[in-house]
Amino acid sequence: MFCVHKQAAHGQWVDECCFNTEFSAYVSAITKSTSTMGTYRVYDSTFKEVTMAFEMGMEIDVGGQSSAA
C-alpha cells in the first residue's frame, strides 16, 4: 500500500489517501503538490519508507527517510 502524506509542519505529516500502486500515489502526490504548492510524499507502508517527495510540484531528495506513518 502506498500512501500520500501532506506536510503539516516541519516533521509532521498528515495522511491524505492510499493507493494499491506506487504510480497512482505518484500521480496524486505530484498533482496535489503542484496545485497547492505544498510538500507531499509517497510512503510505502509495506517497507515503511518514503519512496519519493515533492515540493511545489518538483521532486525533492528524500535522503533515505523512514518513519512510522
Protein backbone atom coordinates (compact mmCIF):
# COMPACT_ATOMS: atom_id res chain seq x y z
CA MET A 1 0.00 0.00 0.00
CA PHE A 2 1.33 3.42 -0.96
CA CYS A 3 0.09 6.43 0.99
CA VAL A 4 0.29 10.12 0.15
CA HIS A 5 1.18 12.33 3.12
CA LYS A 6 0.98 16.13 3.26
CA GLN A 7 3.50 18.07 5.35
CA ALA A 8 1.55 20.00 8.01
CA ALA A 9 4.62 21.36 9.83
CA HIS A 10 8.30 20.53 9.97
CA GLY A 11 8.48 16.80 10.68
CA GLN A 12 4.69 16.41 10.89
CA TRP A 13 2.87 14.54 8.14
CA VAL A 14 -0.87 14.04 7.64
CA ASP A 15 -2.35 11.10 5.71
CA GLU A 16 -4.17 12.24 2.59
CA CYS A 17 -5.03 8.96 0.80
CA CYS A 18 -3.66 5.50 -0.02
CA PHE A 19 -3.34 3.55 -3.26
CA ASN A 20 -2.57 -0.02 -4.32
CA THR A 21 0.08 1.07 -6.82
CA GLU A 22 3.05 3.39 -6.48
CA PHE A 23 2.20 5.02 -9.82
CA SER A 24 -1.26 6.09 -8.61
CA ALA A 25 0.26 7.54 -5.44
CA TYR A 26 2.94 9.33 -7.50
CA VAL A 27 0.33 10.96 -9.77
CA SER A 28 -1.75 12.01 -6.77
CA ALA A 29 1.22 13.45 -4.85
CA ILE A 30 2.66 15.44 -7.75
CA THR A 31 -0.79 16.76 -8.73
CA LYS A 32 -1.57 17.88 -5.18
CA SER A 33 1.88 19.40 -4.74
CA THR A 34 1.57 21.37 -7.98
CA SER A 35 -1.94 22.62 -7.29
CA THR A 36 -1.37 23.63 -3.65
CA MET A 37 2.37 24.48 -3.89
CA GLY A 38 2.79 22.27 -0.81
CA THR A 39 5.05 19.39 0.18
CA TYR A 40 3.82 15.83 -0.29
CA ARG A 41 5.49 12.44 -0.03
CA VAL A 42 4.71 8.88 -1.07
CA TYR A 43 5.12 6.41 1.78
CA ASP A 44 5.42 2.66 1.22
CA SER A 45 3.64 1.12 4.21
CA THR A 46 4.96 -2.38 3.40
CA PHE A 47 8.64 -1.44 3.70
CA LYS A 48 7.96 1.57 5.97
CA GLU A 49 9.94 4.02 3.85
CA VAL A 50 9.44 7.18 1.86
CA THR A 51 9.81 6.44 -1.86
CA MET A 52 9.55 10.00 -3.21
CA ALA A 53 8.66 13.53 -2.18
CA PHE A 54 7.51 16.67 -3.98
CA GLU A 55 7.71 20.33 -3.06
CA MET A 56 5.89 22.90 -5.18
CA GLY A 57 5.42 20.28 -7.90
CA MET A 58 9.09 19.31 -8.13
CA GLU A 59 10.66 16.09 -6.89
CA ILE A 60 12.98 16.55 -3.92
CA ASP A 61 15.57 14.25 -2.37
CA VAL A 62 14.12 12.09 0.40
CA GLY A 63 17.56 11.15 1.75
CA GLY A 64 16.53 7.64 2.80
CA GLN A 65 13.86 8.87 5.19
CA SER A 66 11.94 6.22 7.00
CA SER A 67 9.42 6.80 9.72
CA ALA A 68 6.22 5.38 11.09
CA ALA A 69 3.17 6.92 9.47
